[in-house]
C-alpha atoms as a PDB file:
ATOM      1  CA  MET A   1      -0.303 -42.586  52.471  1.00  0.00           C
ATOM      2  CA  SER A   2      -0.058 -38.920  51.295  1.00  0.00           C
ATOM      3  CA  HIS A   3      -2.726 -36.789  52.035  1.00  0.00           C
ATOM      4  CA  TYR A   4      -2.128 -34.434  49.033  1.00  0.00           C
ATOM      5  CA  ARG A   5      -4.242 -34.400  46.058  1.00  0.00           C
ATOM      6  CA  VAL A   6      -2.689 -33.342  42.666  1.00  0.00           C
ATOM      7  CA  GLY A   7      -4.439 -32.006  39.532  1.00  0.00           C
ATOM      8  CA  CYS A   8      -2.445 -31.577  36.117  1.00  0.00           C
ATOM      9  CA  ASP A   9      -3.855 -29.567  33.254  1.00  0.00           C
ATOM     10  CA  ALA A  10      -1.349 -30.693  30.477  1.00  0.00           C
ATOM     11  CA  HIS A  11      -0.913 -28.612  27.239  1.00  0.00           C
ATOM     12  CA  ARG A  12       1.707 -28.948  24.485  1.00  0.00           C
ATOM     13  CA  ARG A  13       4.620 -26.951  26.215  1.00  0.00           C
ATOM     14  CA  TYR A  14       3.695 -26.862  29.599  1.00  0.00           C
ATOM     15  CA  SER A  15       1.377 -28.416  32.518  1.00  0.00           C
ATOM     16  CA  GLN A  16      -0.368 -26.566  35.007  1.00  0.00           C
ATOM     17  CA  PHE A  17      -0.648 -28.121  38.428  1.00  0.00           C
ATOM     18  CA  ALA A  18      -2.708 -27.424  41.495  1.00  0.00           C
ATOM     19  CA  ILE A  19      -1.903 -29.214  45.056  1.00  0.00           C
ATOM     20  CA  LEU A  20      -4.517 -29.546  47.519  1.00  0.00           C
ATOM     21  CA  ASP A  21      -4.206 -30.587  51.140  1.00  0.00           C
ATOM     22  CA  GLN A  22      -6.208 -33.169  53.296  1.00  0.00           C
ATOM     23  CA  ASP A  23      -8.968 -30.821  53.948  1.00  0.00           C
ATOM     24  CA  GLY A  24      -9.279 -29.922  50.116  1.00  0.00           C
ATOM     25  CA  GLN A  25      -7.506 -26.377  50.778  1.00  0.00           C
ATOM     26  CA  LEU A  26      -5.450 -25.156  47.841  1.00  0.00           C
ATOM     27  CA  GLN A  27      -1.896 -24.932  48.858  1.00  0.00           C
ATOM     28  CA  ARG A  28      -0.025 -24.336  45.740  1.00  0.00           C
ATOM     29  CA  GLN A  29      -0.418 -23.773  41.867  1.00  0.00           C
ATOM     30  CA  ALA A  30       2.396 -23.578  39.553  1.00  0.00           C
ATOM     31  CA  ARG A  31       3.046 -23.843  35.906  1.00  0.00           C
ATOM     32  CA  VAL A  32       5.816 -26.433  34.797  1.00  0.00           C
ATOM     33  CA  ASP A  33       7.331 -26.039  31.161  1.00  0.00           C
ATOM     34  CA  HIS A  34       7.977 -29.204  29.335  1.00  0.00           C
ATOM     35  CA  GLU A  35      11.629 -29.862  29.901  1.00  0.00           C
ATOM     36  CA  PRO A  36      12.903 -33.350  30.409  1.00  0.00           C
ATOM     37  CA  GLY A  37      12.810 -34.245  33.893  1.00  0.00           C
ATOM     38  CA  ALA A  38      11.243 -30.725  35.110  1.00  0.00           C
ATOM     39  CA  ILE A  39       7.936 -32.594  36.146  1.00  0.00           C
ATOM     40  CA  GLN A  40       9.844 -34.929  37.995  1.00  0.00           C
ATOM     41  CA  ALA A  41      11.454 -32.530  39.921  1.00  0.00           C
ATOM     42  CA  PHE A  42       8.433 -30.635  40.682  1.00  0.00           C
ATOM     43  CA  LEU A  43       6.557 -33.670  42.266  1.00  0.00           C
ATOM     44  CA  GLU A  44       9.437 -35.482  43.733  1.00  0.00           C
ATOM     45  CA  ASN A  45       9.178 -33.479  47.115  1.00  0.00           C
ATOM     46  CA  LEU A  46       5.565 -34.738  47.570  1.00  0.00           C
ATOM     47  CA  PRO A  47       5.258 -38.004  49.409  1.00  0.00           C
ATOM     48  CA  ASP A  48       5.509 -41.139  47.779  1.00  0.00           C
ATOM     49  CA  GLY A  49       1.949 -42.375  46.317  1.00  0.00           C
ATOM     50  CA  THR A  50       0.611 -39.035  45.989  1.00  0.00           C
ATOM     51  CA  PRO A  51      -2.180 -39.312  43.634  1.00  0.00           C
ATOM     52  CA  VAL A  52      -1.868 -36.924  40.412  1.00  0.00           C
ATOM     53  CA  ALA A  53      -4.961 -36.499  38.199  1.00  0.00           C
ATOM     54  CA  LEU A  54      -3.917 -36.287  34.396  1.00  0.00           C
ATOM     55  CA  GLU A  55      -6.346 -35.701  31.526  1.00  0.00           C
ATOM     56  CA  THR A  56      -6.203 -38.031  28.484  1.00  0.00           C
ATOM     57  CA  VAL A  57      -4.328 -35.493  26.124  1.00  0.00           C
ATOM     58  CA  GLY A  58      -2.001 -36.654  23.293  1.00  0.00           C
ATOM     59  CA  ASN A  59       1.166 -36.020  24.973  1.00  0.00           C
ATOM     60  CA  TRP A  60       0.444 -37.923  28.381  1.00  0.00           C
ATOM     61  CA  TYR A  61       2.978 -40.886  27.888  1.00  0.00           C
ATOM     62  CA  TRP A  62       5.719 -39.394  29.020  1.00  0.00           C
ATOM     63  CA  ILE A  63       4.049 -37.194  31.546  1.00  0.00           C
ATOM     64  CA  ALA A  64       2.906 -40.130  33.221  1.00  0.00           C
ATOM     65  CA  ASP A  65       6.356 -41.893  33.112  1.00  0.00           C
ATOM     66  CA  GLU A  66       7.825 -38.704  34.990  1.00  0.00           C
ATOM     67  CA  ILE A  67       5.056 -38.603  37.606  1.00  0.00           C
ATOM     68  CA  GLU A  68       5.700 -42.337  38.224  1.00  0.00           C
ATOM     69  CA  ALA A  69       9.367 -41.561  38.319  1.00  0.00           C
ATOM     70  CA  ALA A  70       8.805 -38.930  41.033  1.00  0.00           C
ATOM     71  CA  GLY A  71       7.251 -41.804  43.200  1.00  0.00           C
ATOM     72  CA  CYS A  72       3.604 -40.369  42.530  1.00  0.00           C
ATOM     73  CA  LEU A  73       0.689 -42.307  41.221  1.00  0.00           C
ATOM     74  CA  PRO A  74      -0.524 -41.090  37.773  1.00  0.00           C
ATOM     75  CA  LEU A  75      -4.370 -41.570  37.355  1.00  0.00           C
ATOM     76  CA  LEU A  76      -5.706 -40.723  33.842  1.00  0.00           C
ATOM     77  CA  THR A  77      -8.838 -39.067  33.794  1.00  0.00           C
ATOM     78  CA  HIS A  78     -11.618 -39.357  31.359  1.00  0.00           C
ATOM     79  CA  ALA A  79     -11.205 -35.401  30.091  1.00  0.00           C
ATOM     80  CA  ALA A  80     -14.940 -34.834  28.659  1.00  0.00           C
ATOM     81  CA  LYS A  81     -16.627 -36.383  31.777  1.00  0.00           C
ATOM     82  CA  ALA A  82     -14.292 -34.300  33.996  1.00  0.00           C
ATOM     83  CA  LYS A  83     -15.158 -31.130  32.246  1.00  0.00           C
ATOM     84  CA  VAL A  84     -19.046 -31.535  32.882  1.00  0.00           C
ATOM     85  CA  MET A  85     -18.405 -32.852  36.585  1.00  0.00           C
ATOM     86  CA  MET A  86     -16.209 -29.702  37.262  1.00  0.00           C
ATOM     87  CA  GLY A  87     -19.140 -27.589  36.112  1.00  0.00           C
ATOM     88  CA  ASN A  88     -16.814 -24.353  35.500  1.00  0.00           C
ATOM     89  CA  ILE A  89     -18.504 -21.450  33.835  1.00  0.00           C
ATOM     90  CA  ASN A  90     -15.047 -19.985  32.983  1.00  0.00           C
ATOM     91  CA  LYS A  91     -11.877 -21.660  31.433  1.00  0.00           C
ATOM     92  CA  THR A  92      -8.778 -21.369  32.571  1.00  0.00           C
ATOM     93  CA  ASP A  93      -5.640 -23.511  33.142  1.00  0.00           C
ATOM     94  CA  LYS A  94      -5.721 -22.977  36.671  1.00  0.00           C
ATOM     95  CA  LEU A  95      -9.562 -23.639  37.153  1.00  0.00           C
ATOM     96  CA  ASP A  96      -8.899 -26.977  35.236  1.00  0.00           C
ATOM     97  CA  ALA A  97      -6.091 -27.892  37.581  1.00  0.00           C
ATOM     98  CA  LYS A  98      -7.824 -27.043  40.585  1.00  0.00           C
ATOM     99  CA  GLY A  99     -11.029 -28.605  39.203  1.00  0.00           C
ATOM    100  CA  LEU A 100      -9.052 -32.065  38.777  1.00  0.00           C
ATOM    101  CA  ALA A 101      -7.654 -31.885  42.167  1.00  0.00           C
ATOM    102  CA  LYS A 102     -10.940 -31.261  43.646  1.00  0.00           C
ATOM    103  CA  LEU A 103     -12.704 -34.372  41.929  1.00  0.00           C
ATOM    104  CA  LEU A 104      -9.794 -36.321  43.475  1.00  0.00           C
ATOM    105  CA  HIS A 105      -9.999 -35.111  46.780  1.00  0.00           C
ATOM    106  CA  LEU A 106     -13.933 -35.863  46.649  1.00  0.00           C
ATOM    107  CA  GLY A 107     -13.277 -39.219  45.180  1.00  0.00           C
ATOM    108  CA  SER A 108     -15.529 -38.605  42.135  1.00  0.00           C
ATOM    109  CA  LEU A 109     -12.631 -38.457  39.524  1.00  0.00           C
ATOM    110  CA  PRO A 110     -13.539 -40.178  36.281  1.00  0.00           C
ATOM    111  CA  THR A 111     -10.671 -42.355  35.719  1.00  0.00           C
ATOM    112  CA  VAL A 112      -9.774 -44.517  32.738  1.00  0.00           C
ATOM    113  CA  TRP A 113      -7.309 -47.603  32.694  1.00  0.00           C
ATOM    114  CA  LEU A 114      -3.611 -46.244  32.697  1.00  0.00           C
ATOM    115  CA  PRO A 115      -1.960 -49.376  30.643  1.00  0.00           C
ATOM    116  CA  PRO A 116       1.730 -50.121  32.167  1.00  0.00           C
ATOM    117  CA  SER A 117       4.764 -48.762  30.410  1.00  0.00           C
ATOM    118  CA  GLU A 118       5.305 -52.133  28.754  1.00  0.00           C
ATOM    119  CA  ILE A 119       2.116 -52.398  27.170  1.00  0.00           C
ATOM    120  CA  ARG A 120       2.225 -48.745  26.128  1.00  0.00           C
ATOM    121  CA  ASP A 121       5.513 -49.624  24.496  1.00  0.00           C
ATOM    122  CA  GLU A 122       4.305 -52.610  22.492  1.00  0.00           C
ATOM    123  CA  ARG A 123       1.303 -51.218  21.389  1.00  0.00           C
ATOM    124  CA  GLU A 124       3.431 -49.139  18.995  1.00  0.00           C
ATOM    125  CA  LEU A 125       4.178 -52.441  17.194  1.00  0.00           C
ATOM    126  CA  HIS A 126       0.764 -52.894  15.674  1.00  0.00           C
ATOM    127  CA  ARG A 127      -0.249 -49.467  15.633  1.00  0.00           C
ATOM    128  CA  THR A 128       2.801 -48.581  13.330  1.00  0.00           C
ATOM    129  CA  ARG A 129       1.917 -51.536  11.167  1.00  0.00           C
ATOM    130  CA  MET A 130      -1.614 -50.517  10.871  1.00  0.00           C
ATOM    131  CA  ALA A 131      -0.709 -46.949   9.730  1.00  0.00           C
ATOM    132  CA  LEU A 132       2.025 -48.340   7.382  1.00  0.00           C
ATOM    133  CA  SER A 133      -0.527 -50.599   5.928  1.00  0.00           C
ATOM    134  CA  LYS A 134      -2.998 -47.819   5.283  1.00  0.00           C
ATOM    135  CA  LEU A 135      -0.108 -45.838   3.723  1.00  0.00           C
ATOM    136  CA  ARG A 136       0.149 -49.063   1.079  1.00  0.00           C
ATOM    137  CA  THR A 137      -3.199 -49.116   0.523  1.00  0.00           C
ATOM    138  CA  VAL A 138      -3.241 -45.472  -0.466  1.00  0.00           C
ATOM    139  CA  LEU A 139      -0.288 -46.084  -2.755  1.00  0.00           C
ATOM    140  CA  LYS A 140      -1.746 -49.053  -4.435  1.00  0.00           C
ATOM    141  CA  ASN A 141      -5.236 -47.094  -4.966  1.00  0.00           C
ATOM    142  CA  ARG A 142      -3.507 -44.250  -6.724  1.00  0.00           C
ATOM    143  CA  ILE A 143      -1.586 -46.688  -8.980  1.00  0.00           C
ATOM    144  CA  HIS A 144      -4.666 -48.381  -9.941  1.00  0.00           C
ATOM    145  CA  ALA A 145      -6.506 -45.148 -10.544  1.00  0.00           C
ATOM    146  CA  THR A 146      -3.678 -43.706 -12.694  1.00  0.00           C
ATOM    147  CA  LEU A 147      -3.865 -47.049 -14.913  1.00  0.00           C
ATOM    148  CA  ALA A 148      -7.473 -46.688 -15.039  1.00  0.00           C
ATOM    149  CA  LYS A 149      -7.406 -42.854 -16.375  1.00  0.00           C
ATOM    150  CA  TYR A 150      -5.549 -44.373 -19.327  1.00  0.00           C
ATOM    151  CA  GLY A 151      -7.703 -47.426 -19.850  1.00  0.00           C
ATOM    152  CA  ILE A 152      -5.011 -49.991 -18.724  1.00  0.00           C
ATOM    153  CA  THR A 153      -6.646 -52.979 -17.171  1.00  0.00           C
ATOM    154  CA  SER A 154      -5.439 -56.558 -16.807  1.00  0.00           C
ATOM    155  CA  THR A 155      -7.822 -59.559 -16.506  1.00  0.00           C
ATOM    156  CA  GLU A 156      -5.021 -62.033 -16.254  1.00  0.00           C
ATOM    157  CA  HIS A 157      -3.844 -60.809 -12.943  1.00  0.00           C
ATOM    158  CA  SER A 158      -5.713 -60.568  -9.624  1.00  0.00           C
ATOM    159  CA  ASP A 159      -2.855 -58.900  -8.097  1.00  0.00           C
ATOM    160  CA  ILE A 160      -0.576 -56.483 -10.019  1.00  0.00           C
ATOM    161  CA  PHE A 161       1.663 -55.692  -7.293  1.00  0.00           C
ATOM    162  CA  VAL A 162       3.436 -59.186  -7.007  1.00  0.00           C
ATOM    163  CA  GLY A 163       4.577 -62.028  -9.127  1.00  0.00           C
ATOM    164  CA  ALA A 164       3.700 -62.043 -12.622  1.00  0.00           C
ATOM    165  CA  GLY A 165       1.322 -58.905 -12.071  1.00  0.00           C
ATOM    166  CA  ARG A 166       4.370 -56.687 -10.963  1.00  0.00           C
ATOM    167  CA  ALA A 167       6.154 -57.891 -14.157  1.00  0.00           C
ATOM    168  CA  TRP A 168       3.004 -56.897 -16.222  1.00  0.00           C
ATOM    169  CA  LEU A 169       2.844 -53.684 -14.385  1.00  0.00           C
ATOM    170  CA  LYS A 170       6.458 -52.655 -15.334  1.00  0.00           C
ATOM    171  CA  THR A 171       5.890 -53.560 -19.126  1.00  0.00           C
ATOM    172  CA  THR A 172       2.905 -51.034 -19.106  1.00  0.00           C
ATOM    173  CA  LEU A 173       4.639 -48.302 -17.712  1.00  0.00           C
ATOM    174  CA  SER A 174       5.948 -47.483 -21.452  1.00  0.00           C
ATOM    175  CA  GLN A 175       2.271 -46.943 -22.262  1.00  0.00           C
ATOM    176  CA  LEU A 176       1.843 -43.998 -19.845  1.00  0.00           C
ATOM    177  CA  PRO A 177       2.652 -40.569 -20.675  1.00  0.00           C
ATOM    178  CA  PRO A 178       6.685 -39.769 -19.772  1.00  0.00           C
ATOM    179  CA  GLU A 179       5.751 -37.652 -16.377  1.00  0.00           C
ATOM    180  CA  THR A 180       2.931 -39.843 -15.283  1.00  0.00           C
ATOM    181  CA  GLY A 181       5.178 -43.121 -15.892  1.00  0.00           C
ATOM    182  CA  ARG A 182       7.805 -41.638 -13.866  1.00  0.00           C
ATOM    183  CA  CYS A 183       5.482 -41.020 -10.820  1.00  0.00           C
ATOM    184  CA  VAL A 184       3.939 -44.581 -10.962  1.00  0.00           C
ATOM    185  CA  ALA A 185       7.503 -45.691 -11.050  1.00  0.00           C
ATOM    186  CA  GLN A 186       8.265 -43.460  -7.836  1.00  0.00           C
ATOM    187  CA  GLU A 187       5.075 -44.792  -6.236  1.00  0.00           C
ATOM    188  CA  LEU A 188       6.356 -48.440  -6.744  1.00  0.00           C
ATOM    189  CA  GLU A 189       9.611 -47.489  -5.151  1.00  0.00           C
ATOM    190  CA  ALA A 190       7.945 -46.095  -2.217  1.00  0.00           C
ATOM    191  CA  LEU A 191       5.409 -49.159  -2.185  1.00  0.00           C
ATOM    192  CA  ASP A 192       8.489 -51.351  -2.142  1.00  0.00           C
ATOM    193  CA  GLY A 193       9.774 -49.506   1.010  1.00  0.00           C
ATOM    194  CA  LEU A 194       7.002 -49.798   2.762  1.00  0.00           C
ATOM    195  CA  GLN A 195       6.686 -53.364   2.130  1.00  0.00           C
ATOM    196  CA  ILE A 196      10.292 -53.832   3.608  1.00  0.00           C
ATOM    197  CA  GLN A 197       9.123 -51.758   6.647  1.00  0.00           C
ATOM    198  CA  ILE A 198       5.890 -53.703   7.161  1.00  0.00           C
ATOM    199  CA  ALA A 199       7.953 -57.007   7.014  1.00  0.00           C
ATOM    200  CA  GLN A 200      10.260 -55.974   9.570  1.00  0.00           C
ATOM    201  CA  LEU A 201       7.383 -54.963  11.786  1.00  0.00           C
ATOM    202  CA  GLU A 202       5.757 -58.265  11.187  1.00  0.00           C
ATOM    203  CA  LYS A 203       9.059 -60.315  12.273  1.00  0.00           C
ATOM    204  CA  ARG A 204       9.329 -58.419  15.408  1.00  0.00           C
ATOM    205  CA  ILE A 205       5.581 -58.922  16.257  1.00  0.00           C
ATOM    206  CA  GLN A 206       6.320 -62.724  15.609  1.00  0.00           C
ATOM    207  CA  GLU A 207       9.058 -62.552  17.936  1.00  0.00           C
ATOM    208  CA  ARG A 208       7.041 -60.845  20.827  1.00  0.00           C
ATOM    209  CA  ILE A 209       4.280 -63.462  20.213  1.00  0.00           C
ATOM    210  CA  ALA A 210       6.366 -66.420  20.581  1.00  0.00           C
ATOM    211  CA  LEU A 211       7.298 -65.078  24.328  1.00  0.00           C
ATOM    212  CA  ASN A 212       3.535 -64.712  25.317  1.00  0.00           C
ATOM    213  CA  PRO A 213       1.175 -67.243  26.217  1.00  0.00           C
ATOM    214  CA  SER A 214      -1.886 -65.366  26.028  1.00  0.00           C
ATOM    215  CA  ILE A 215      -1.277 -64.240  22.675  1.00  0.00           C
ATOM    216  CA  GLN A 216      -0.709 -68.041  21.565  1.00  0.00           C
ATOM    217  CA  LEU A 217      -4.129 -68.849  23.548  1.00  0.00           C
ATOM    218  CA  LEU A 218      -5.988 -66.016  21.426  1.00  0.00           C
ATOM    219  CA  LYS A 219      -4.498 -67.723  18.201  1.00  0.00           C
ATOM    220  CA  THR A 220      -6.499 -70.839  18.962  1.00  0.00           C
ATOM    221  CA  LEU A 221      -9.559 -68.573  18.154  1.00  0.00           C
ATOM    222  CA  PRO A 222     -11.302 -68.958  14.831  1.00  0.00           C
ATOM    223  CA  GLY A 223      -9.723 -66.660  12.226  1.00  0.00           C
ATOM    224  CA  VAL A 224      -7.131 -64.906  14.645  1.00  0.00           C
ATOM    225  CA  GLY A 225      -3.683 -65.034  13.481  1.00  0.00           C
ATOM    226  CA  ASN A 226      -0.396 -63.139  14.606  1.00  0.00           C
ATOM    227  CA  ILE A 227      -1.395 -59.593  13.828  1.00  0.00           C
ATOM    228  CA  LEU A 228      -5.164 -59.755  15.267  1.00  0.00           C
ATOM    229  CA  ALA A 229      -3.521 -61.693  18.451  1.00  0.00           C
ATOM    230  CA  ILE A 230      -1.343 -59.133  19.369  1.00  0.00           C
ATOM    231  CA  VAL A 231      -3.646 -56.390  18.455  1.00  0.00           C
ATOM    232  CA  ILE A 232      -6.521 -57.849  20.797  1.00  0.00           C
ATOM    233  CA  GLU A 233      -4.269 -58.749  23.699  1.00  0.00           C
ATOM    234  CA  ARG A 234      -2.156 -55.642  23.901  1.00  0.00           C
ATOM    235  CA  GLU A 235      -5.229 -53.402  23.442  1.00  0.00           C
ATOM    236  CA  ILE A 236      -7.233 -55.047  26.288  1.00  0.00           C
ATOM    237  CA  GLY A 237      -4.308 -55.301  28.251  1.00  0.00           C
ATOM    238  CA  SER A 238      -5.430 -56.729  31.625  1.00  0.00           C
ATOM    239  CA  VAL A 239      -8.442 -58.403  30.868  1.00  0.00           C
ATOM    240  CA  ASP A 240      -9.344 -58.435  34.599  1.00  0.00           C
ATOM    241  CA  ARG A 241     -10.519 -54.998  34.477  1.00  0.00           C
ATOM    242  CA  PHE A 242     -13.876 -56.126  32.918  1.00  0.00           C
ATOM    243  CA  ALA A 243     -16.182 -57.842  35.108  1.00  0.00           C
ATOM    244  CA  THR A 244     -18.409 -58.996  32.182  1.00  0.00           C
ATOM    245  CA  ALA A 245     -18.598 -59.495  28.388  1.00  0.00           C
ATOM    246  CA  GLY A 246     -20.767 -56.664  28.035  1.00  0.00           C
ATOM    247  CA  GLN A 247     -18.137 -54.411  29.394  1.00  0.00           C
ATOM    248  CA  LEU A 248     -15.608 -55.636  26.951  1.00  0.00           C
ATOM    249  CA  ALA A 249     -18.041 -55.246  24.314  1.00  0.00           C
ATOM    250  CA  SER A 250     -18.782 -51.460  25.260  1.00  0.00           C
ATOM    251  CA  TYR A 251     -15.028 -50.902  25.581  1.00  0.00           C
ATOM    252  CA  ALA A 252     -14.199 -52.300  22.126  1.00  0.00           C
ATOM    253  CA  GLY A 253     -17.382 -50.155  20.647  1.00  0.00           C
ATOM    254  CA  VAL A 254     -19.070 -53.375  19.014  1.00  0.00           C
ATOM    255  CA  VAL A 255     -22.520 -52.468  20.837  1.00  0.00           C
ATOM    256  CA  PRO A 256     -24.971 -50.334  19.041  1.00  0.00           C
ATOM    257  CA  THR A 257     -26.209 -47.110  20.510  1.00  0.00           C
ATOM    258  CA  VAL A 258     -29.701 -47.026  22.328  1.00  0.00           C
ATOM    259  CA  HIS A 259     -32.406 -44.521  22.119  1.00  0.00           C
ATOM    260  CA  ALA A 260     -35.231 -45.463  24.453  1.00  0.00           C
ATOM    261  CA  SER A 261     -38.261 -43.216  25.214  1.00  0.00           C
ATOM    262  CA  GLY A 262     -42.029 -43.652  25.777  1.00  0.00           C
ATOM    263  CA  GLY A 263     -41.951 -47.315  25.523  1.00  0.00           C
ATOM    264  CA  LYS A 264     -40.078 -47.176  22.230  1.00  0.00           C
ATOM    265  CA  THR A 265     -36.633 -48.508  21.684  1.00  0.00           C
ATOM    266  CA  ARG A 266     -34.378 -47.783  18.743  1.00  0.00           C
ATOM    267  CA  PHE A 267     -30.749 -49.312  18.042  1.00  0.00           C
ATOM    268  CA  GLY A 268     -28.289 -47.368  16.263  1.00  0.00           C
ATOM    269  CA  HIS A 269     -24.944 -47.732  14.787  1.00  0.00           C
ATOM    270  CA  MET A 270     -22.097 -48.942  17.094  1.00  0.00           C
ATOM    271  CA  ARG A 271     -20.443 -46.606  19.553  1.00  0.00           C
ATOM    272  CA  LYS A 272     -17.732 -44.152  18.315  1.00  0.00           C
ATOM    273  CA  PRO A 273     -16.149 -43.520  21.891  1.00  0.00           C
ATOM    274  CA  SER A 274     -14.180 -46.856  21.966  1.00  0.00           C
ATOM    275  CA  ASN A 275     -11.077 -48.527  21.288  1.00  0.00           C
ATOM    276  CA  GLN A 276     -10.839 -48.048  17.634  1.00  0.00           C
ATOM    277  CA  TYR A 277      -7.874 -50.400  17.133  1.00  0.00           C
ATOM    278  CA  LEU A 278      -9.656 -53.161  18.905  1.00  0.00           C
ATOM    279  CA  LYS A 279     -12.918 -52.561  17.145  1.00  0.00           C
ATOM    280  CA  TRP A 280     -10.988 -53.146  13.924  1.00  0.00           C
ATOM    281  CA  ALA A 281      -9.720 -56.329  15.232  1.00  0.00           C
ATOM    282  CA  PHE A 282     -12.938 -57.761  15.962  1.00  0.00           C
ATOM    283  CA  ILE A 283     -14.579 -56.675  12.642  1.00  0.00           C
ATOM    284  CA  ALA A 284     -11.465 -58.075  10.731  1.00  0.00           C
ATOM    285  CA  CYS A 285     -11.897 -61.272  12.543  1.00  0.00           C
ATOM    286  CA  PRO A 286     -13.419 -63.493   9.956  1.00  0.00           C
ATOM    287  CA  GLY A 287     -14.597 -66.199  12.231  1.00  0.00           C
ATOM    288  CA  ARG A 288     -13.944 -69.927  11.489  1.00  0.00           C
ATOM    289  CA  ARG A 289     -11.587 -70.999   8.538  1.00  0.00           C
ATOM    290  CA  PRO A 290     -12.880 -73.254   6.406  1.00  0.00           C
ATOM    291  CA  GLY A 291     -11.814 -76.911   7.519  1.00  0.00           C
ATOM    292  CA  LYS A 292     -10.747 -75.667  11.003  1.00  0.00           C
ATOM    293  CA  ALA A 293     -11.489 -77.653  13.738  1.00  0.00           C
ATOM    294  CA  PRO A 294     -13.304 -75.938  16.664  1.00  0.00           C
ATOM    295  CA  MET A 295     -11.046 -74.020  19.075  1.00  0.00           C
ATOM    296  CA  SER A 296      -9.583 -76.078  21.769  1.00  0.00           C
ATOM    297  CA  SER A 297      -7.847 -74.332  24.893  1.00  0.00           C
ATOM    298  CA  SER A 298      -4.849 -76.271  26.301  1.00  0.00           C
ATOM    299  CA  ALA A 299      -5.752 -74.726  29.640  1.00  0.00           C
ATOM    300  CA  THR A 300      -8.979 -76.408  29.657  1.00  0.00           C
ATOM    301  CA  GLY A 301      -8.993 -79.218  27.266  1.00  0.00           C
ATOM    302  CA  THR A 302     -12.222 -78.297  26.075  1.00  0.00           C
ATOM    303  CA  THR A 303     -13.816 -76.874  23.008  1.00  0.00           C
ATOM    304  CA  LEU A 304     -15.031 -73.370  23.429  1.00  0.00           C
ATOM    305  CA  LEU A 305     -15.763 -74.640  27.047  1.00  0.00           C
ATOM    306  CA  GLY A 306     -18.302 -77.081  25.673  1.00  0.00           C
ATOM    307  CA  ARG A 307     -19.775 -74.878  23.117  1.00  0.00           C
ATOM    308  CA  GLN A 308     -19.875 -74.919  19.313  1.00  0.00           C
ATOM    309  CA  SER A 309     -18.175 -71.959  17.805  1.00  0.00           C
ATOM    310  CA  MET A 310     -20.811 -69.406  17.082  1.00  0.00           C
ATOM    311  CA  SER A 311     -19.318 -67.956  13.834  1.00  0.00           C
ATOM    312  CA  ALA A 312     -19.332 -71.436  12.526  1.00  0.00           C
ATOM    313  CA  GLY A 313     -21.348 -71.226   9.048  1.00  0.00           C
ATOM    314  CA  CYS A 314     -22.066 -67.778   9.726  1.00  0.00           C
ATOM    315  CA  THR A 315     -22.937 -66.121   6.395  1.00  0.00           C
ATOM    316  CA  THR A 316     -23.680 -62.410   7.530  1.00  0.00           C
ATOM    317  CA  ARG A 317     -21.811 -59.655   5.664  1.00  0.00           C
ATOM    318  CA  SER A 318     -22.491 -56.905   8.456  1.00  0.00           C
ATOM    319  CA  ALA A 319     -19.503 -55.655  10.088  1.00  0.00           C
ATOM    320  CA  GLY A 320     -21.210 -55.182  13.478  1.00  0.00           C
ATOM    321  CA  GLU A 321     -22.376 -58.721  13.647  1.00  0.00           C
ATOM    322  CA  ARG A 322     -18.986 -60.075  12.343  1.00  0.00           C
ATOM    323  CA  ALA A 323     -17.450 -57.982  15.365  1.00  0.00           C
ATOM    324  CA  MET A 324     -19.799 -59.171  17.631  1.00  0.00           C
ATOM    325  CA  LEU A 325     -19.611 -62.961  16.604  1.00  0.00           C
ATOM    326  CA  SER A 326     -15.739 -62.360  17.425  1.00  0.00           C
ATOM    327  CA  LEU A 327     -16.324 -61.114  20.525  1.00  0.00           C
ATOM    328  CA  LEU A 328     -18.538 -63.629  21.629  1.00  0.00           C
ATOM    329  CA  GLU A 329     -15.940 -66.230  20.724  1.00  0.00           C
ATOM    330  CA  LEU A 330     -13.655 -64.701  23.031  1.00  0.00           C
ATOM    331  CA  SER A 331     -15.921 -63.939  25.922  1.00  0.00           C
ATOM    332  CA  LEU A 332     -16.460 -67.784  26.259  1.00  0.00           C
ATOM    333  CA  VAL A 333     -12.919 -68.176  26.968  1.00  0.00           C
ATOM    334  CA  ILE A 334     -12.640 -65.636  29.298  1.00  0.00           C
ATOM    335  CA  TRP A 335     -16.223 -65.937  31.092  1.00  0.00           C
ATOM    336  CA  PRO A 336     -17.933 -69.202  31.921  1.00  0.00           C
ATOM    337  CA  LYS A 337     -21.445 -68.034  30.643  1.00  0.00           C
ATOM    338  CA  PRO A 338     -21.436 -64.845  28.183  1.00  0.00           C
ATOM    339  CA  ALA A 339     -23.422 -62.021  29.419  1.00  0.00           C
ATOM    340  CA  THR A 340     -26.936 -61.695  28.273  1.00  0.00           C
ATOM    341  CA  GLY A 341     -26.656 -57.991  27.515  1.00  0.00           C
ATOM    342  CA  CYS A 342     -23.833 -58.390  25.180  1.00  0.00           C
END
């Protein structure tokens, strides 16, 4: 086991490293430019398994890969909590790197879960699809707004971008001013291109789902299809890291903030510091589909572990309540008894 502790203060073009020995004494500080293989070369002289504290910055993916390639152990650190715990009055790269190493040496480093490289890679499938879907919505809204500016509406077509509605839309372009009509035509071309890219991503998602038993089981949840299943499974990662349903609910951000003082308790909005992709999935999950039988698990042969679906007959329109019901459905599969605090 290595007796060294390393802190890494990562930036866009370079990283500052601080190395402490087993007594917590500073042995070396160095700045390493972000070039392929540079971080690996700097760390590979350290003993295998040397822990390296790495803050949750935007470019940590490839840095974690290089740390692992050097035989060291990357520990993803909660940047905001670490800053408070270090308590530095001044702020420099050297102080931050040394502070991370010191927290690691003291055993008080606030770490967060580091997804394996396979999960980090496959998360890009649904995250990219979500990003492209937002662009698709933006284009559709622009076209609707342009038509509305010139008083053009259709009461016969619920969706003007497919089938007969698309044919009607093409005929109405001639009613628009010349330049406006050309712009709408270009937006339609861009929309068609996005549809092709989204379809390709969904095909790849379908291929990955077919190979994953966990995702297949998630699809038996009421209202969970291919997209929601891969979002929930890949964003949660290893469910073993959550001891209770309440911890999973907090990670997904579907629990309210609490303000309690002087015997009075007030619950606020859902937590913002959370996994936003997972929160979206639980909010988007509609619950039991009409006519759908209660969920059954091939592993247990039971219906929601003997309980009826909590989202059955639910008529709520609250996003928070929909998310909580969806999460409770999932928690009944993972834990025999849902946490009372969930």
